[in-house]
Each structure stands twice: as structure tokens, then as C-alpha cells.
């Protein structure tokens, strides 16, 4: 037989009714296992680094018949676990076709704290309709700029921010305090201070005249079919830097946090030259030599709001 074969829920139920000797392995995290699982199943989370060690504890007999399962056909947890068992030398491994969801859809018995719970961890997160206020202490913008010889990384803090969401679309305003500009890669204090002074000068951000950058969010639109961990919204708005106001659009991953707050994360390249941050631009100057600075600045934005 193949290293990994699929088994239908009804077939597995027949095997159990016949009293066949086999081991059922739930591959989901412990909290999901506690909620609902196949009767008699053991638990070893396929996402954990120690999964092989956990298998050695639970399944010392590599000749045993093992049936593994994940949550549903939307998840590859069962498939990944079955392949790992085969690579570790387990000789007879089956994957439950359709996973836990298929077993439940066939009206077969389940155990656990909430065995009748049919929710799927892949269900879309719904951003509740309300006004969210930014948690300034937990929100940060990190940046990465480059030239031929160096890559500099640093951060900026926001001084205020709010998002109004009506259930279908959103708008808001966010203010970045340029006085919080920091570089994280230069250990030499003098060089670090020199770089910050250069970036805040009229060569770049011109913070003396424009001490803040602002982003006026005009549209926040859901991305249909977005899965957990992928961008789920598209943000559009007007970014103002150095007094220059221009449109900016980028994808955003929105996720609930355990304390009830919401995280908004975005990763994109910012074309600084469009906002007049022109120093070292090969588009605008010639014979720059060592003063050439790449145009795109990589931005990673993490906002936490309540």
C-alpha cells in the first residue's frame, strides 16, 4: 500500500465497530482537541516543532495502524501529519478523508467539551461595527531603507489614530510623530545620531517644518475569500508627508486578539519620491556616486486598536 492512504468516515466507523486494533490521532492544537474530537483519539499537534517527539511518546509501535485527521478539507494538517508519520517509519498510516468536519457531517459520534460545535476555524472574521481607538503604546511603524552598501532599519510611533467601521466600509485618521524616528541597526551612537539628523532634515522628511505625517483613510474594503493570516482588507487614503498629499493604497491583515482588541497589519513598499522625499534618487539626479539611495522604502505597519 502507499505510505499514506485516505479512509472515509463511514469506513473508519465500521472498523471501530468491528473492534479493529488501531490508533486515532487528532493533529489539531490542544484547545481544539478539548472542544471536540473523535472518541478515543489521542492528540499531537502537527504544528508543533516537537511533533516527532510527541509521536514517539504516544505511538512507540511503528507497526501499528494509525488514522490521522485534521479539521476539514480546507486544512492540510492531517495530510502533513500523515506524511511525517510515513517519513518517521510508521508503516500503516491513513488520513481521514475530510477530517473532523466530514466525520461530523456524517452524523458520527464525537467527544469533548462542545462535541456539537460545527464552527470552522477558517470562518471569516467579522470586524464589528464601531469606532476603534488606537493603542499608541502597542502600535508601531517599522521602516527599511537601502543603498548600494547599507540597509538601515528603524521605527516610528503614532501619536493618535481612530477608525470608524460601519460593518461594510471604514474611514479614519492616523498621525505619525516624526520626532520618534529611530534607527535600530547603527550601534555607534554618533553615527546613529547623524543618520537620524539626516533623515529628519530637508533632505528627507523636513521635520522642522512638517513635524508629523498623516494618513487619512478614505476607504477600508473587505477582500472576498481572504483566509486567516492573509490580507483581508484593502486600505485607500491620502498620505501627507513634507506637506505633499498623495493617494496611497495597500493590503491590510485584520485579526482579533485575545484581549478583545484588533490588530491591523500591513506590509508594502513606499515610493518616497512621490512625496518629495527626493534625496539620492536616481530618477531625479545624476552622478550621485555614494549618495545614491534606493527609491522604495519598505514599511511594516502594526496597529492595535480597541
C-alpha atoms as a PDB file:
ATOM      1  CA  UNK A   1       0.000   0.000   0.000  1.00  0.00           C
ATOM      2  CA  UNK A   2       1.018   3.684  -0.299  1.00  0.00           C
ATOM      3  CA  UNK A   3       2.707   5.388   2.643  1.00  0.00           C
ATOM      4  CA  UNK A   4      -0.465   7.423   3.109  1.00  0.00           C
ATOM      5  CA  UNK A   5      -3.992   6.354   2.120  1.00  0.00           C
ATOM      6  CA  UNK A   6      -7.327   8.042   2.690  1.00  0.00           C
ATOM      7  CA  UNK A   7     -10.152   6.470   4.615  1.00  0.00           C
ATOM      8  CA  UNK A   8     -13.787   7.571   4.504  1.00  0.00           C
ATOM      9  CA  UNK A   9     -15.576   8.390   7.791  1.00  0.00           C
ATOM     10  CA  UNK A  10     -18.061   5.546   7.334  1.00  0.00           C
ATOM     11  CA  UNK A  11     -15.261   3.058   6.705  1.00  0.00           C
ATOM     12  CA  UNK A  12     -13.423   4.148   9.844  1.00  0.00           C
ATOM     13  CA  UNK A  13     -16.658   3.845  11.842  1.00  0.00           C
ATOM     14  CA  UNK A  14     -17.058   0.269  10.514  1.00  0.00           C
ATOM     15  CA  UNK A  15     -13.513  -0.585  11.542  1.00  0.00           C
ATOM     16  CA  UNK A  16     -14.168   0.709  15.039  1.00  0.00           C
ATOM     17  CA  UNK A  17     -17.428  -1.225  15.257  1.00  0.00           C
ATOM     18  CA  UNK A  18     -15.558  -4.369  14.182  1.00  0.00           C
ATOM     19  CA  UNK A  19     -13.111  -3.855  17.017  1.00  0.00           C
ATOM     20  CA  UNK A  20     -10.036  -3.473  14.809  1.00  0.00           C
ATOM     21  CA  UNK A  21      -6.860  -2.528  16.610  1.00  0.00           C
ATOM     22  CA  UNK A  22      -5.898   0.965  15.504  1.00  0.00           C
ATOM     23  CA  UNK A  23      -4.843   4.334  16.845  1.00  0.00           C
ATOM     24  CA  UNK A  24      -6.698   7.567  16.019  1.00  0.00           C
ATOM     25  CA  UNK A  25      -4.550  10.702  16.108  1.00  0.00           C
ATOM     26  CA  UNK A  26      -6.025  14.200  16.299  1.00  0.00           C
ATOM     27  CA  UNK A  27      -3.487  16.678  14.834  1.00  0.00           C
ATOM     28  CA  UNK A  28      -5.106  19.953  15.974  1.00  0.00           C
ATOM     29  CA  UNK A  29      -3.928  22.248  18.805  1.00  0.00           C
ATOM     30  CA  UNK A  30      -4.942  21.084  22.305  1.00  0.00           C
ATOM     31  CA  UNK A  31      -7.686  23.704  22.719  1.00  0.00           C
ATOM     32  CA  UNK A  32      -9.453  22.448  19.577  1.00  0.00           C
ATOM     33  CA  UNK A  33      -8.965  18.833  20.655  1.00  0.00           C
ATOM     34  CA  UNK A  34     -10.533  19.628  24.027  1.00  0.00           C
ATOM     35  CA  UNK A  35     -13.570  21.155  22.317  1.00  0.00           C
ATOM     36  CA  UNK A  36     -14.352  18.156  20.107  1.00  0.00           C
ATOM     37  CA  UNK A  37     -12.578  15.076  18.811  1.00  0.00           C
ATOM     38  CA  UNK A  38     -13.206  11.535  17.643  1.00  0.00           C
ATOM     39  CA  UNK A  39     -13.933   9.119  20.514  1.00  0.00           C
ATOM     40  CA  UNK A  40     -10.747   7.552  21.831  1.00  0.00           C
ATOM     41  CA  UNK A  41      -8.456   9.827  19.828  1.00  0.00           C
ATOM     42  CA  UNK A  42      -5.015  10.867  21.039  1.00  0.00           C
ATOM     43  CA  UNK A  43      -3.742  14.390  20.446  1.00  0.00           C
ATOM     44  CA  UNK A  44      -0.443  15.547  18.947  1.00  0.00           C
ATOM     45  CA  UNK A  45      -0.467  18.967  17.302  1.00  0.00           C
ATOM     46  CA  UNK A  46       1.038  18.792  13.815  1.00  0.00           C
ATOM     47  CA  UNK A  47       2.044  22.471  14.025  1.00  0.00           C
ATOM     48  CA  UNK A  48       4.443  21.989  16.939  1.00  0.00           C
ATOM     49  CA  UNK A  49       8.190  21.557  16.462  1.00  0.00           C
ATOM     50  CA  UNK A  50       8.135  18.708  18.994  1.00  0.00           C
ATOM     51  CA  UNK A  51       5.567  16.745  16.967  1.00  0.00           C
ATOM     52  CA  UNK A  52       8.032  13.867  16.208  1.00  0.00           C
ATOM     53  CA  UNK A  53       8.978  13.578  19.890  1.00  0.00           C
ATOM     54  CA  UNK A  54       5.309  13.601  20.830  1.00  0.00           C
ATOM     55  CA  UNK A  55       4.680  10.768  18.367  1.00  0.00           C
ATOM     56  CA  UNK A  56       7.478   8.705  19.899  1.00  0.00           C
ATOM     57  CA  UNK A  57       5.749   9.017  23.282  1.00  0.00           C
ATOM     58  CA  UNK A  58       2.232   8.256  22.059  1.00  0.00           C
ATOM     59  CA  UNK A  59       2.996   5.729  19.322  1.00  0.00           C
ATOM     60  CA  UNK A  60       6.062   3.666  20.198  1.00  0.00           C
ATOM     61  CA  UNK A  61       4.919   0.796  17.953  1.00  0.00           C
ATOM     62  CA  UNK A  62       5.656   1.847  14.369  1.00  0.00           C
ATOM     63  CA  UNK A  63       3.860  -1.226  13.017  1.00  0.00           C
ATOM     64  CA  UNK A  64       0.520  -0.034  14.428  1.00  0.00           C
ATOM     65  CA  UNK A  65      -2.332   1.087  12.183  1.00  0.00           C
ATOM     66  CA  UNK A  66      -2.716   4.849  12.603  1.00  0.00           C
ATOM     67  CA  UNK A  67      -5.548   7.074  11.372  1.00  0.00           C
ATOM     68  CA  UNK A  68      -4.809  10.811  11.489  1.00  0.00           C
ATOM     69  CA  UNK A  69      -7.190  13.696  10.933  1.00  0.00           C
ATOM     70  CA  UNK A  70      -7.268  17.477  10.707  1.00  0.00           C
ATOM     71  CA  UNK A  71     -10.184  19.888  10.838  1.00  0.00           C
ATOM     72  CA  UNK A  72     -11.623  19.647   7.318  1.00  0.00           C
ATOM     73  CA  UNK A  73     -10.800  19.532   3.620  1.00  0.00           C
ATOM     74  CA  UNK A  74      -9.745  23.194   3.958  1.00  0.00           C
ATOM     75  CA  UNK A  75      -6.777  22.240   6.159  1.00  0.00           C
ATOM     76  CA  UNK A  76      -3.677  20.214   5.290  1.00  0.00           C
ATOM     77  CA  UNK A  77      -2.902  19.325   8.916  1.00  0.00           C
ATOM     78  CA  UNK A  78      -3.948  15.689   8.539  1.00  0.00           C
ATOM     79  CA  UNK A  79      -2.056  15.297   5.269  1.00  0.00           C
ATOM     80  CA  UNK A  80       1.105  16.865   6.694  1.00  0.00           C
ATOM     81  CA  UNK A  81       0.911  14.696   9.824  1.00  0.00           C
ATOM     82  CA  UNK A  82       0.387  11.510   7.793  1.00  0.00           C
ATOM     83  CA  UNK A  83       3.387  12.290   5.606  1.00  0.00           C
ATOM     84  CA  UNK A  84       5.530  12.932   8.683  1.00  0.00           C
ATOM     85  CA  UNK A  85       4.491   9.611  10.202  1.00  0.00           C
ATOM     86  CA  UNK A  86       5.420   7.830   6.980  1.00  0.00           C
ATOM     87  CA  UNK A  87       8.828   9.533   6.915  1.00  0.00           C
ATOM     88  CA  UNK A  88       9.373   8.533  10.539  1.00  0.00           C
ATOM     89  CA  UNK A  89       8.858   4.886   9.638  1.00  0.00           C
ATOM     90  CA  UNK A  90       5.242   4.203  10.572  1.00  0.00           C
ATOM     91  CA  UNK A  91       4.138   1.515   8.167  1.00  0.00           C
ATOM     92  CA  UNK A  92       0.330   1.734   8.000  1.00  0.00           C
ATOM     93  CA  UNK A  93      -0.960   5.315   8.031  1.00  0.00           C
ATOM     94  CA  UNK A  94      -4.380   6.539   6.929  1.00  0.00           C
ATOM     95  CA  UNK A  95      -5.730  10.077   6.660  1.00  0.00           C
ATOM     96  CA  UNK A  96      -9.409  10.570   7.490  1.00  0.00           C
ATOM     97  CA  UNK A  97     -10.918  11.993   4.293  1.00  0.00           C
ATOM     98  CA  UNK A  98     -12.471  15.384   5.040  1.00  0.00           C
ATOM     99  CA  UNK A  99     -11.210  15.370   8.610  1.00  0.00           C
ATOM    100  CA  UNK A 100     -13.275  16.237  11.627  1.00  0.00           C
ATOM    101  CA  UNK A 101     -15.843  18.167   9.588  1.00  0.00           C
ATOM    102  CA  UNK A 102     -16.606  15.160   7.366  1.00  0.00           C
ATOM    103  CA  UNK A 103     -16.961  12.885  10.398  1.00  0.00           C
ATOM    104  CA  UNK A 104     -19.417  15.317  11.966  1.00  0.00           C
ATOM    105  CA  UNK A 105     -21.305  15.826   8.680  1.00  0.00           C
ATOM    106  CA  UNK A 106     -21.869  12.045   8.577  1.00  0.00           C
ATOM    107  CA  UNK A 107     -23.610  12.308  11.989  1.00  0.00           C
ATOM    108  CA  UNK A 108     -20.967  10.164  13.641  1.00  0.00           C
ATOM    109  CA  UNK A 109     -20.296  10.493  17.386  1.00  0.00           C
ATOM    110  CA  UNK A 110     -17.844  12.996  18.851  1.00  0.00           C
ATOM    111  CA  UNK A 111     -16.394  13.580  22.292  1.00  0.00           C
ATOM    112  CA  UNK A 112     -15.184  16.723  24.047  1.00  0.00           C
ATOM    113  CA  UNK A 113     -16.441  19.808  25.818  1.00  0.00           C
ATOM    114  CA  UNK A 114     -18.517  21.015  22.836  1.00  0.00           C
ATOM    115  CA  UNK A 115     -18.968  17.995  20.566  1.00  0.00           C
ATOM    116  CA  UNK A 116     -21.860  19.587  18.656  1.00  0.00           C
ATOM    117  CA  UNK A 117     -19.916  22.737  17.759  1.00  0.00           C
ATOM    118  CA  UNK A 118     -19.784  22.854  13.964  1.00  0.00           C
ATOM    119  CA  UNK A 119     -17.717  26.054  13.686  1.00  0.00           C
ATOM    120  CA  UNK A 120     -14.676  26.027  11.435  1.00  0.00           C
ATOM    121  CA  UNK A 121     -11.517  27.892  12.396  1.00  0.00           C
ATOM    122  CA  UNK A 122     -11.346  29.091   8.770  1.00  0.00           C
ATOM    123  CA  UNK A 123     -14.591  31.052   9.061  1.00  0.00           C
ATOM    124  CA  UNK A 124     -14.220  34.728   8.158  1.00  0.00           C
ATOM    125  CA  UNK A 125     -13.539  37.174  10.974  1.00  0.00           C
ATOM    126  CA  UNK A 126     -16.167  39.908  11.037  1.00  0.00           C
ATOM    127  CA  UNK A 127     -14.903  43.321  12.067  1.00  0.00           C
ATOM    128  CA  UNK A 128     -17.558  44.663  14.470  1.00  0.00           C
ATOM    129  CA  UNK A 129     -19.242  47.946  13.577  1.00  0.00           C
ATOM    130  CA  UNK A 130     -17.896  50.633  15.886  1.00  0.00           C
ATOM    131  CA  UNK A 131     -15.194  53.269  16.269  1.00  0.00           C
ATOM    132  CA  UNK A 132     -11.773  51.880  17.151  1.00  0.00           C
ATOM    133  CA  UNK A 133      -9.231  53.971  19.052  1.00  0.00           C
ATOM    134  CA  UNK A 134      -5.543  53.334  18.520  1.00  0.00           C
ATOM    135  CA  UNK A 135      -3.470  51.910  21.375  1.00  0.00           C
ATOM    136  CA  UNK A 136      -0.438  54.173  20.980  1.00  0.00           C
ATOM    137  CA  UNK A 137       1.847  52.044  23.150  1.00  0.00           C
ATOM    138  CA  UNK A 138       1.267  48.890  21.093  1.00  0.00           C
ATOM    139  CA  UNK A 139       1.185  50.456  17.620  1.00  0.00           C
ATOM    140  CA  UNK A 140       4.366  50.963  15.611  1.00  0.00           C
ATOM    141  CA  UNK A 141       5.602  51.594  12.091  1.00  0.00           C
ATOM    142  CA  UNK A 142       8.913  49.984  11.116  1.00  0.00           C
ATOM    143  CA  UNK A 143      10.851  51.024   8.028  1.00  0.00           C
ATOM    144  CA  UNK A 144      13.760  49.744   5.965  1.00  0.00           C
ATOM    145  CA  UNK A 145      15.751  51.924   3.585  1.00  0.00           C
ATOM    146  CA  UNK A 146      18.615  50.835   1.308  1.00  0.00           C
ATOM    147  CA  UNK A 147      21.518  51.967  -0.812  1.00  0.00           C
ATOM    148  CA  UNK A 148      24.348  50.143  -2.600  1.00  0.00           C
ATOM    149  CA  UNK A 149      26.266  49.442   0.595  1.00  0.00           C
ATOM    150  CA  UNK A 150      23.852  49.502   3.532  1.00  0.00           C
ATOM    151  CA  UNK A 151      20.388  48.670   4.767  1.00  0.00           C
ATOM    152  CA  UNK A 152      19.038  50.781   7.601  1.00  0.00           C
ATOM    153  CA  UNK A 153      16.075  49.712   9.705  1.00  0.00           C
ATOM    154  CA  UNK A 154      14.144  51.686  12.259  1.00  0.00           C
ATOM    155  CA  UNK A 155      10.762  52.688  13.627  1.00  0.00           C
ATOM    156  CA  UNK A 156       8.272  55.494  14.123  1.00  0.00           C
ATOM    157  CA  UNK A 157       5.443  55.863  16.619  1.00  0.00           C
ATOM    158  CA  UNK A 158       1.954  57.143  16.052  1.00  0.00           C
ATOM    159  CA  UNK A 159       0.612  59.938  18.228  1.00  0.00           C
ATOM    160  CA  UNK A 160      -3.078  59.362  17.551  1.00  0.00           C
ATOM    161  CA  UNK A 161      -5.441  57.362  15.409  1.00  0.00           C
ATOM    162  CA  UNK A 162      -9.034  56.243  15.031  1.00  0.00           C
ATOM    163  CA  UNK A 163     -11.032  54.066  12.653  1.00  0.00           C
ATOM    164  CA  UNK A 164     -14.803  54.192  12.165  1.00  0.00           C
ATOM    165  CA  UNK A 165     -16.267  50.968  10.737  1.00  0.00           C
ATOM    166  CA  UNK A 166     -19.976  50.670   9.885  1.00  0.00           C
ATOM    167  CA  UNK A 167     -19.947  46.971   9.013  1.00  0.00           C
ATOM    168  CA  UNK A 168     -19.295  47.478   5.304  1.00  0.00           C
ATOM    169  CA  UNK A 169     -16.703  50.236   4.950  1.00  0.00           C
ATOM    170  CA  UNK A 170     -14.474  52.394   7.099  1.00  0.00           C
ATOM    171  CA  UNK A 171     -12.594  55.661   7.352  1.00  0.00           C
ATOM    172  CA  UNK A 172     -10.255  57.258   9.838  1.00  0.00           C
ATOM    173  CA  UNK A 173      -7.198  59.374  10.506  1.00  0.00           C
ATOM    174  CA  UNK A 174      -3.735  58.436  11.801  1.00  0.00           C
ATOM    175  CA  UNK A 175      -0.879  60.735  12.810  1.00  0.00           C
ATOM    176  CA  UNK A 176       2.801  59.714  12.793  1.00  0.00           C
ATOM    177  CA  UNK A 177       5.102  61.668  15.118  1.00  0.00           C
ATOM    178  CA  UNK A 178       8.375  62.212  13.221  1.00  0.00           C
ATOM    179  CA  UNK A 179      10.151  63.151  16.445  1.00  0.00           C
ATOM    180  CA  UNK A 180      10.008  59.442  17.377  1.00  0.00           C
ATOM    181  CA  UNK A 181      12.122  58.418  14.359  1.00  0.00           C
ATOM    182  CA  UNK A 182      14.663  55.790  15.457  1.00  0.00           C
ATOM    183  CA  UNK A 183      17.339  53.714  13.734  1.00  0.00           C
ATOM    184  CA  UNK A 184      17.897  50.175  15.032  1.00  0.00           C
ATOM    185  CA  UNK A 185      20.970  48.967  13.154  1.00  0.00           C
ATOM    186  CA  UNK A 186      23.727  51.504  13.885  1.00  0.00           C
ATOM    187  CA  UNK A 187      25.352  50.682  17.231  1.00  0.00           C
ATOM    188  CA  UNK A 188      27.694  53.682  17.097  1.00  0.00           C
ATOM    189  CA  UNK A 189      25.795  56.469  18.858  1.00  0.00           C
ATOM    190  CA  UNK A 190      27.399  59.265  16.841  1.00  0.00           C
ATOM    191  CA  UNK A 191      26.662  57.602  13.500  1.00  0.00           C
ATOM    192  CA  UNK A 192      23.154  56.784  14.659  1.00  0.00           C
ATOM    193  CA  UNK A 193      22.506  60.403  15.622  1.00  0.00           C
ATOM    194  CA  UNK A 194      23.991  61.602  12.320  1.00  0.00           C
ATOM    195  CA  UNK A 195      21.655  59.360  10.319  1.00  0.00           C
ATOM    196  CA  UNK A 196      18.583  60.490  12.271  1.00  0.00           C
ATOM    197  CA  UNK A 197      19.542  64.148  11.776  1.00  0.00           C
ATOM    198  CA  UNK A 198      19.987  63.491   8.039  1.00  0.00           C
ATOM    199  CA  UNK A 199      16.606  61.737   7.731  1.00  0.00           C
ATOM    200  CA  UNK A 200      14.775  64.494   9.620  1.00  0.00           C
ATOM    201  CA  UNK A 201      16.447  67.280   7.630  1.00  0.00           C
ATOM    202  CA  UNK A 202      15.067  68.885   4.471  1.00  0.00           C
ATOM    203  CA  UNK A 203      16.978  66.220   2.506  1.00  0.00           C
ATOM    204  CA  UNK A 204      14.310  63.713   3.538  1.00  0.00           C
ATOM    205  CA  UNK A 205      11.362  64.302   5.887  1.00  0.00           C
ATOM    206  CA  UNK A 206      11.860  68.028   6.605  1.00  0.00           C
ATOM    207  CA  UNK A 207      10.510  67.517  10.121  1.00  0.00           C
ATOM    208  CA  UNK A 208      11.376  71.058  11.258  1.00  0.00           C
ATOM    209  CA  UNK A 209       8.634  72.400   9.006  1.00  0.00           C
ATOM    210  CA  UNK A 210       6.443  69.269   8.910  1.00  0.00           C
ATOM    211  CA  UNK A 211       6.727  67.521  12.313  1.00  0.00           C
ATOM    212  CA  UNK A 212       4.039  64.922  11.567  1.00  0.00           C
ATOM    213  CA  UNK A 213       2.915  62.719   8.724  1.00  0.00           C
ATOM    214  CA  UNK A 214      -0.781  61.927   8.420  1.00  0.00           C
ATOM    215  CA  UNK A 215      -2.812  59.217   6.729  1.00  0.00           C
ATOM    216  CA  UNK A 216      -6.476  59.974   6.097  1.00  0.00           C
ATOM    217  CA  UNK A 217      -8.172  56.650   5.469  1.00  0.00           C
ATOM    218  CA  UNK A 218     -10.984  57.145   2.962  1.00  0.00           C
ATOM    219  CA  UNK A 219     -11.884  53.509   2.309  1.00  0.00           C
ATOM    220  CA  UNK A 220     -11.385  50.152   4.007  1.00  0.00           C
ATOM    221  CA  UNK A 221     -12.791  47.382   1.805  1.00  0.00           C
ATOM    222  CA  UNK A 222     -13.011  43.644   2.602  1.00  0.00           C
ATOM    223  CA  UNK A 223     -11.152  41.283   0.267  1.00  0.00           C
ATOM    224  CA  UNK A 224     -13.542  38.439  -0.662  1.00  0.00           C
ATOM    225  CA  UNK A 225     -12.368  34.938   0.219  1.00  0.00           C
ATOM    226  CA  UNK A 226      -9.422  36.045   2.363  1.00  0.00           C
ATOM    227  CA  UNK A 227      -8.129  33.269   4.628  1.00  0.00           C
ATOM    228  CA  UNK A 228      -6.662  33.681   8.141  1.00  0.00           C
ATOM    229  CA  UNK A 229      -3.195  35.225   8.054  1.00  0.00           C
ATOM    230  CA  UNK A 230      -3.709  36.731   4.594  1.00  0.00           C
ATOM    231  CA  UNK A 231      -4.625  40.345   3.762  1.00  0.00           C
ATOM    232  CA  UNK A 232      -8.346  40.639   4.424  1.00  0.00           C
ATOM    233  CA  UNK A 233      -8.945  44.327   3.654  1.00  0.00           C
ATOM    234  CA  UNK A 234      -7.688  46.924   1.209  1.00  0.00           C
ATOM    235  CA  UNK A 235      -6.974  50.379   2.605  1.00  0.00           C
ATOM    236  CA  UNK A 236      -7.118  53.503   0.450  1.00  0.00           C
ATOM    237  CA  UNK A 237      -6.415  57.016   1.568  1.00  0.00           C
ATOM    238  CA  UNK A 238      -4.333  60.154   1.393  1.00  0.00           C
ATOM    239  CA  UNK A 239      -0.852  60.240   2.924  1.00  0.00           C
ATOM    240  CA  UNK A 240       0.684  63.616   3.715  1.00  0.00           C
ATOM    241  CA  UNK A 241       4.485  63.848   4.103  1.00  0.00           C
ATOM    242  CA  UNK A 242       6.519  67.074   3.845  1.00  0.00           C
ATOM    243  CA  UNK A 243       3.244  68.835   3.084  1.00  0.00           C
ATOM    244  CA  UNK A 244       2.766  66.712  -0.044  1.00  0.00           C
ATOM    245  CA  UNK A 245      -0.571  64.904  -0.157  1.00  0.00           C
ATOM    246  CA  UNK A 246      -0.962  61.884  -2.428  1.00  0.00           C
ATOM    247  CA  UNK A 247      -3.016  58.714  -2.694  1.00  0.00           C
ATOM    248  CA  UNK A 248      -1.776  55.547  -1.046  1.00  0.00           C
ATOM    249  CA  UNK A 249      -3.290  52.065  -1.241  1.00  0.00           C
ATOM    250  CA  UNK A 250      -2.162  48.862   0.494  1.00  0.00           C
ATOM    251  CA  UNK A 251      -3.498  45.494   1.759  1.00  0.00           C
ATOM    252  CA  UNK A 252      -4.214  45.016   5.471  1.00  0.00           C
ATOM    253  CA  UNK A 253      -4.481  41.863   7.571  1.00  0.00           C
ATOM    254  CA  UNK A 254      -7.094  42.340  10.307  1.00  0.00           C
ATOM    255  CA  UNK A 255      -7.176  39.892  13.209  1.00  0.00           C
ATOM    256  CA  UNK A 256      -8.842  39.643  16.628  1.00  0.00           C
ATOM    257  CA  UNK A 257      -6.591  39.472  19.688  1.00  0.00           C
ATOM    258  CA  UNK A 258      -7.276  37.511  22.859  1.00  0.00           C
ATOM    259  CA  UNK A 259      -7.903  40.629  24.970  1.00  0.00           C
ATOM    260  CA  UNK A 260     -10.680  41.813  22.647  1.00  0.00           C
ATOM    261  CA  UNK A 261      -8.585  44.339  20.734  1.00  0.00           C
ATOM    262  CA  UNK A 262      -7.977  44.211  16.974  1.00  0.00           C
ATOM    263  CA  UNK A 263      -4.660  44.163  15.123  1.00  0.00           C
ATOM    264  CA  UNK A 264      -4.195  45.789  11.724  1.00  0.00           C
ATOM    265  CA  UNK A 265      -1.010  44.771   9.913  1.00  0.00           C
ATOM    266  CA  UNK A 266       0.295  45.949   6.562  1.00  0.00           C
ATOM    267  CA  UNK A 267       3.496  45.416   4.573  1.00  0.00           C
ATOM    268  CA  UNK A 268       4.269  47.421   1.455  1.00  0.00           C
ATOM    269  CA  UNK A 269       6.919  49.453  -0.351  1.00  0.00           C
ATOM    270  CA  UNK A 270       6.502  53.218  -0.115  1.00  0.00           C
ATOM    271  CA  UNK A 271       7.662  55.216  -3.135  1.00  0.00           C
ATOM    272  CA  UNK A 272       9.121  58.142  -1.202  1.00  0.00           C
ATOM    273  CA  UNK A 273       9.879  60.232  -4.296  1.00  0.00           C
ATOM    274  CA  UNK A 274       6.149  60.748  -4.959  1.00  0.00           C
ATOM    275  CA  UNK A 275       6.022  62.680  -1.686  1.00  0.00           C
ATOM    276  CA  UNK A 276       9.035  64.862  -2.430  1.00  0.00           C
ATOM    277  CA  UNK A 277      11.489  62.808  -0.367  1.00  0.00           C
ATOM    278  CA  UNK A 278      13.952  63.105  -3.212  1.00  0.00           C
ATOM    279  CA  UNK A 279      17.440  62.841  -1.711  1.00  0.00           C
ATOM    280  CA  UNK A 280      19.689  60.402  -3.606  1.00  0.00           C
ATOM    281  CA  UNK A 281      17.003  59.460  -6.120  1.00  0.00           C
ATOM    282  CA  UNK A 282      18.382  58.112  -9.393  1.00  0.00           C
ATOM    283  CA  UNK A 283      15.149  59.284 -11.036  1.00  0.00           C
ATOM    284  CA  UNK A 284      15.887  62.906 -10.262  1.00  0.00           C
ATOM    285  CA  UNK A 285      19.677  63.250 -10.022  1.00  0.00           C
ATOM    286  CA  UNK A 286      22.765  62.128 -11.943  1.00  0.00           C
ATOM    287  CA  UNK A 287      26.340  61.375 -10.831  1.00  0.00           C
ATOM    288  CA  UNK A 288      25.222  60.551  -7.293  1.00  0.00           C
ATOM    289  CA  UNK A 289      28.051  58.120  -6.544  1.00  0.00           C
ATOM    290  CA  UNK A 290      27.958  57.053  -2.892  1.00  0.00           C
ATOM    291  CA  UNK A 291      24.924  59.284  -2.299  1.00  0.00           C
ATOM    292  CA  UNK A 292      22.553  57.111  -4.333  1.00  0.00           C
ATOM    293  CA  UNK A 293      19.618  55.964  -2.176  1.00  0.00           C
ATOM    294  CA  UNK A 294      17.051  53.467  -3.445  1.00  0.00           C
ATOM    295  CA  UNK A 295      13.575  54.839  -4.047  1.00  0.00           C
ATOM    296  CA  UNK A 296      11.335  52.284  -2.309  1.00  0.00           C
ATOM    297  CA  UNK A 297      11.207  52.233   1.495  1.00  0.00           C
ATOM    298  CA  UNK A 298       9.791  49.019   2.944  1.00  0.00           C
ATOM    299  CA  UNK A 299       7.085  49.660   5.520  1.00  0.00           C
ATOM    300  CA  UNK A 300       5.703  47.243   8.116  1.00  0.00           C
ATOM    301  CA  UNK A 301       2.761  48.700   9.999  1.00  0.00           C
ATOM    302  CA  UNK A 302       1.205  47.135  13.102  1.00  0.00           C
ATOM    303  CA  UNK A 303      -1.700  48.959  14.688  1.00  0.00           C
ATOM    304  CA  UNK A 304      -3.597  47.756  17.741  1.00  0.00           C
ATOM    305  CA  UNK A 305      -6.989  49.320  18.356  1.00  0.00           C
ATOM    306  CA  UNK A 306      -9.776  48.870  20.883  1.00  0.00           C
END
